Amino acid sequence: MASVLVVEDDSDIQFMISFLLKKAGHQVRTADDGQAALQKWAEERPDLVILDWMMPGLTGPEVCSRMRALPGGQDVAVLMLTAKSEKDDVTEAFAAGVDDYMTKPFSPKELPERVAALLDRVSQTR
């Protein structure tokens, strides 16, 4: 299965996302903030990054923009998973380069399915 970097500052949510994705067979790494996410992405080059929006330091869209600007940054799938649900938020996230967007609270059934669909879609186009 795929390697996934979960970037979430809430430890309970980070645990739940990690648990669901490990159960689906993915290899999961975690980061608590945007700067750590960029460092882990550069070191490990995961297939997918799941980003929270509101974190200490860099926001999810800032992390995505910076990652996309780096060599190989266009190749990774990015899912924004956030409590922000306004249309302007969604627009900003896609402008930053995310491939998919989900809001919290999220369905434990939907997340692994959305991850699988995103990975499949990205593998066909990149």
C-alpha atoms as a PDB file:
ATOM      1  CA  MET A   1       0.000   0.000   0.000  1.00  0.00           C
ATOM      2  CA  ALA A   2       0.904   3.662   0.066  1.00  0.00           C
ATOM      3  CA  SER A   3       3.023   5.720   2.424  1.00  0.00           C
ATOM      4  CA  VAL A   4       1.071   8.537   4.076  1.00  0.00           C
ATOM      5  CA  LEU A   5       2.204  11.558   6.087  1.00  0.00           C
ATOM      6  CA  VAL A   6      -0.515  12.759   8.480  1.00  0.00           C
ATOM      7  CA  VAL A   7      -0.002  16.386   9.536  1.00  0.00           C
ATOM      8  CA  GLU A   8      -2.317  17.150  12.461  1.00  0.00           C
ATOM      9  CA  ASP A   9      -1.658  19.026  15.703  1.00  0.00           C
ATOM     10  CA  ASP A  10      -4.548  17.436  17.638  1.00  0.00           C
ATOM     11  CA  SER A  11      -3.134  14.158  18.979  1.00  0.00           C
ATOM     12  CA  ASP A  12      -6.528  12.429  19.228  1.00  0.00           C
ATOM     13  CA  ILE A  13      -7.427  13.213  15.622  1.00  0.00           C
ATOM     14  CA  GLN A  14      -3.909  12.315  14.483  1.00  0.00           C
ATOM     15  CA  PHE A  15      -4.260   8.948  16.236  1.00  0.00           C
ATOM     16  CA  MET A  16      -7.670   8.270  14.669  1.00  0.00           C
ATOM     17  CA  ILE A  17      -6.506   9.111  11.147  1.00  0.00           C
ATOM     18  CA  SER A  18      -3.368   7.007  11.589  1.00  0.00           C
ATOM     19  CA  PHE A  19      -5.350   4.079  12.977  1.00  0.00           C
ATOM     20  CA  LEU A  20      -7.832   4.124  10.085  1.00  0.00           C
ATOM     21  CA  LEU A  21      -5.120   4.305   7.450  1.00  0.00           C
ATOM     22  CA  LYS A  22      -2.949   1.618   9.056  1.00  0.00           C
ATOM     23  CA  LYS A  23      -6.025  -0.599   9.240  1.00  0.00           C
ATOM     24  CA  ALA A  24      -6.445  -0.026   5.492  1.00  0.00           C
ATOM     25  CA  GLY A  25      -2.863  -1.227   4.983  1.00  0.00           C
ATOM     26  CA  HIS A  26      -1.012   2.055   4.558  1.00  0.00           C
ATOM     27  CA  GLN A  27       2.349   2.950   6.078  1.00  0.00           C
ATOM     28  CA  VAL A  28       1.756   6.063   8.207  1.00  0.00           C
ATOM     29  CA  ARG A  29       4.098   8.741   9.529  1.00  0.00           C
ATOM     30  CA  THR A  30       2.977  11.801  11.471  1.00  0.00           C
ATOM     31  CA  ALA A  31       3.928  15.427  12.030  1.00  0.00           C
ATOM     32  CA  ASP A  32       2.478  17.906  14.532  1.00  0.00           C
ATOM     33  CA  ASP A  33       3.102  21.135  12.627  1.00  0.00           C
ATOM     34  CA  GLY A  34       3.854  22.535   9.203  1.00  0.00           C
ATOM     35  CA  GLN A  35       7.620  22.877   9.571  1.00  0.00           C
ATOM     36  CA  ALA A  36       7.960  19.263  10.734  1.00  0.00           C
ATOM     37  CA  ALA A  37       5.736  18.225   7.821  1.00  0.00           C
ATOM     38  CA  LEU A  38       8.022  19.848   5.259  1.00  0.00           C
ATOM     39  CA  GLN A  39      11.064  18.203   6.831  1.00  0.00           C
ATOM     40  CA  LYS A  40       9.471  14.734   6.917  1.00  0.00           C
ATOM     41  CA  TRP A  41       8.159  15.138   3.376  1.00  0.00           C
ATOM     42  CA  ALA A  42      11.652  16.007   2.114  1.00  0.00           C
ATOM     43  CA  GLU A  43      13.205  13.042   3.951  1.00  0.00           C
ATOM     44  CA  GLU A  44      10.592  10.376   3.241  1.00  0.00           C
ATOM     45  CA  ARG A  45       8.715  11.442   0.080  1.00  0.00           C
ATOM     46  CA  PRO A  46       5.370   9.835   0.977  1.00  0.00           C
ATOM     47  CA  ASP A  47       2.738   9.045  -1.654  1.00  0.00           C
ATOM     48  CA  LEU A  48       0.110  11.122   0.160  1.00  0.00           C
ATOM     49  CA  VAL A  49       0.100  14.005   2.631  1.00  0.00           C
ATOM     50  CA  ILE A  50      -3.002  14.647   4.741  1.00  0.00           C
ATOM     51  CA  LEU A  51      -2.899  18.240   5.988  1.00  0.00           C
ATOM     52  CA  ASP A  52      -4.813  20.004   8.712  1.00  0.00           C
ATOM     53  CA  TRP A  53      -5.329  23.715   8.044  1.00  0.00           C
ATOM     54  CA  MET A  54      -4.918  25.311  11.462  1.00  0.00           C
ATOM     55  CA  MET A  55      -1.611  24.318  13.041  1.00  0.00           C
ATOM     56  CA  PRO A  56       1.176  26.059  14.939  1.00  0.00           C
ATOM     57  CA  GLY A  57       3.476  27.965  12.594  1.00  0.00           C
ATOM     58  CA  LEU A  58       2.629  27.271   8.978  1.00  0.00           C
ATOM     59  CA  THR A  59      -0.952  26.665   7.868  1.00  0.00           C
ATOM     60  CA  GLY A  60      -1.946  23.691   5.740  1.00  0.00           C
ATOM     61  CA  PRO A  61      -2.196  25.785   2.553  1.00  0.00           C
ATOM     62  CA  GLU A  62       1.233  27.311   3.250  1.00  0.00           C
ATOM     63  CA  VAL A  63       2.729  23.837   3.679  1.00  0.00           C
ATOM     64  CA  CYS A  64       1.113  22.674   0.447  1.00  0.00           C
ATOM     65  CA  SER A  65       2.353  25.697  -1.525  1.00  0.00           C
ATOM     66  CA  ARG A  66       5.901  25.286  -0.238  1.00  0.00           C
ATOM     67  CA  MET A  67       5.889  21.556  -0.882  1.00  0.00           C
ATOM     68  CA  ARG A  68       4.590  22.021  -4.432  1.00  0.00           C
ATOM     69  CA  ALA A  69       7.417  24.497  -5.133  1.00  0.00           C
ATOM     70  CA  LEU A  70      10.107  21.936  -4.240  1.00  0.00           C
ATOM     71  CA  PRO A  71      11.522  19.376  -6.697  1.00  0.00           C
ATOM     72  CA  GLY A  72       9.133  16.411  -6.724  1.00  0.00           C
ATOM     73  CA  GLY A  73       6.447  18.403  -4.951  1.00  0.00           C
ATOM     74  CA  GLN A  74       4.053  18.098  -7.862  1.00  0.00           C
ATOM     75  CA  ASP A  75       4.116  14.301  -7.608  1.00  0.00           C
ATOM     76  CA  VAL A  76       2.624  13.855  -4.131  1.00  0.00           C
ATOM     77  CA  ALA A  77      -1.123  13.609  -3.508  1.00  0.00           C
ATOM     78  CA  VAL A  78      -2.419  16.127  -0.952  1.00  0.00           C
ATOM     79  CA  LEU A  79      -5.676  15.872   0.996  1.00  0.00           C
ATOM     80  CA  MET A  80      -6.735  18.813   3.159  1.00  0.00           C
ATOM     81  CA  LEU A  81      -8.664  17.552   6.205  1.00  0.00           C
ATOM     82  CA  THR A  82      -9.920  20.510   8.206  1.00  0.00           C
ATOM     83  CA  ALA A  83     -12.738  22.046  10.211  1.00  0.00           C
ATOM     84  CA  LYS A  84     -12.754  25.022   7.819  1.00  0.00           C
ATOM     85  CA  SER A  85     -15.761  24.630   5.546  1.00  0.00           C
ATOM     86  CA  GLU A  86     -16.446  28.019   3.954  1.00  0.00           C
ATOM     87  CA  LYS A  87     -16.316  28.207   0.153  1.00  0.00           C
ATOM     88  CA  ASP A  88     -13.441  30.705   0.320  1.00  0.00           C
ATOM     89  CA  ASP A  89     -11.456  28.220   2.425  1.00  0.00           C
ATOM     90  CA  VAL A  90     -11.970  25.452  -0.110  1.00  0.00           C
ATOM     91  CA  THR A  91     -10.981  27.800  -2.935  1.00  0.00           C
ATOM     92  CA  GLU A  92      -7.836  28.884  -1.084  1.00  0.00           C
ATOM     93  CA  ALA A  93      -6.830  25.280  -0.432  1.00  0.00           C
ATOM     94  CA  PHE A  94      -7.198  24.270  -4.070  1.00  0.00           C
ATOM     95  CA  ALA A  95      -5.292  27.395  -5.144  1.00  0.00           C
ATOM     96  CA  ALA A  96      -2.477  26.256  -2.831  1.00  0.00           C
ATOM     97  CA  GLY A  97      -2.351  22.934  -4.679  1.00  0.00           C
ATOM     98  CA  VAL A  98      -4.395  20.399  -2.709  1.00  0.00           C
ATOM     99  CA  ASP A  99      -5.905  17.523  -4.682  1.00  0.00           C
ATOM    100  CA  ASP A 100      -8.899  16.863  -2.432  1.00  0.00           C
ATOM    101  CA  TYR A 101     -10.669  18.486   0.514  1.00  0.00           C
ATOM    102  CA  MET A 102     -12.587  16.962   3.435  1.00  0.00           C
ATOM    103  CA  THR A 103     -14.112  18.633   6.460  1.00  0.00           C
ATOM    104  CA  LYS A 104     -14.129  17.592  10.103  1.00  0.00           C
ATOM    105  CA  PRO A 105     -15.856  15.854  11.610  1.00  0.00           C
ATOM    106  CA  PHE A 106     -15.236  13.162   9.024  1.00  0.00           C
ATOM    107  CA  SER A 107     -16.647   9.695   8.490  1.00  0.00           C
ATOM    108  CA  PRO A 108     -14.297   6.869   9.531  1.00  0.00           C
ATOM    109  CA  LYS A 109     -15.651   4.913   6.558  1.00  0.00           C
ATOM    110  CA  GLU A 110     -15.224   7.737   4.062  1.00  0.00           C
ATOM    111  CA  LEU A 111     -11.621   8.693   4.860  1.00  0.00           C
ATOM    112  CA  PRO A 112      -9.933   5.414   3.782  1.00  0.00           C
ATOM    113  CA  GLU A 113     -12.149   5.287   0.687  1.00  0.00           C
ATOM    114  CA  ARG A 114     -11.324   8.887  -0.211  1.00  0.00           C
ATOM    115  CA  VAL A 115      -7.611   8.184   0.309  1.00  0.00           C
ATOM    116  CA  ALA A 116      -7.760   5.132  -1.973  1.00  0.00           C
ATOM    117  CA  ALA A 117      -9.624   7.057  -4.674  1.00  0.00           C
ATOM    118  CA  LEU A 118      -7.211   9.994  -4.481  1.00  0.00           C
ATOM    119  CA  LEU A 119      -4.145   7.765  -4.690  1.00  0.00           C
ATOM    120  CA  ASP A 120      -5.647   5.945  -7.663  1.00  0.00           C
ATOM    121  CA  ARG A 121      -6.546   9.187  -9.445  1.00  0.00           C
ATOM    122  CA  VAL A 122      -3.128  10.742  -8.841  1.00  0.00           C
ATOM    123  CA  SER A 123      -1.259   7.624  -9.972  1.00  0.00           C
ATOM    124  CA  GLN A 124      -3.096   7.771 -13.304  1.00  0.00           C
ATOM    125  CA  THR A 125      -2.362  11.440 -13.952  1.00  0.00           C
ATOM    126  CA  ARG A 126       1.166  12.012 -12.615  1.00  0.00           C
END
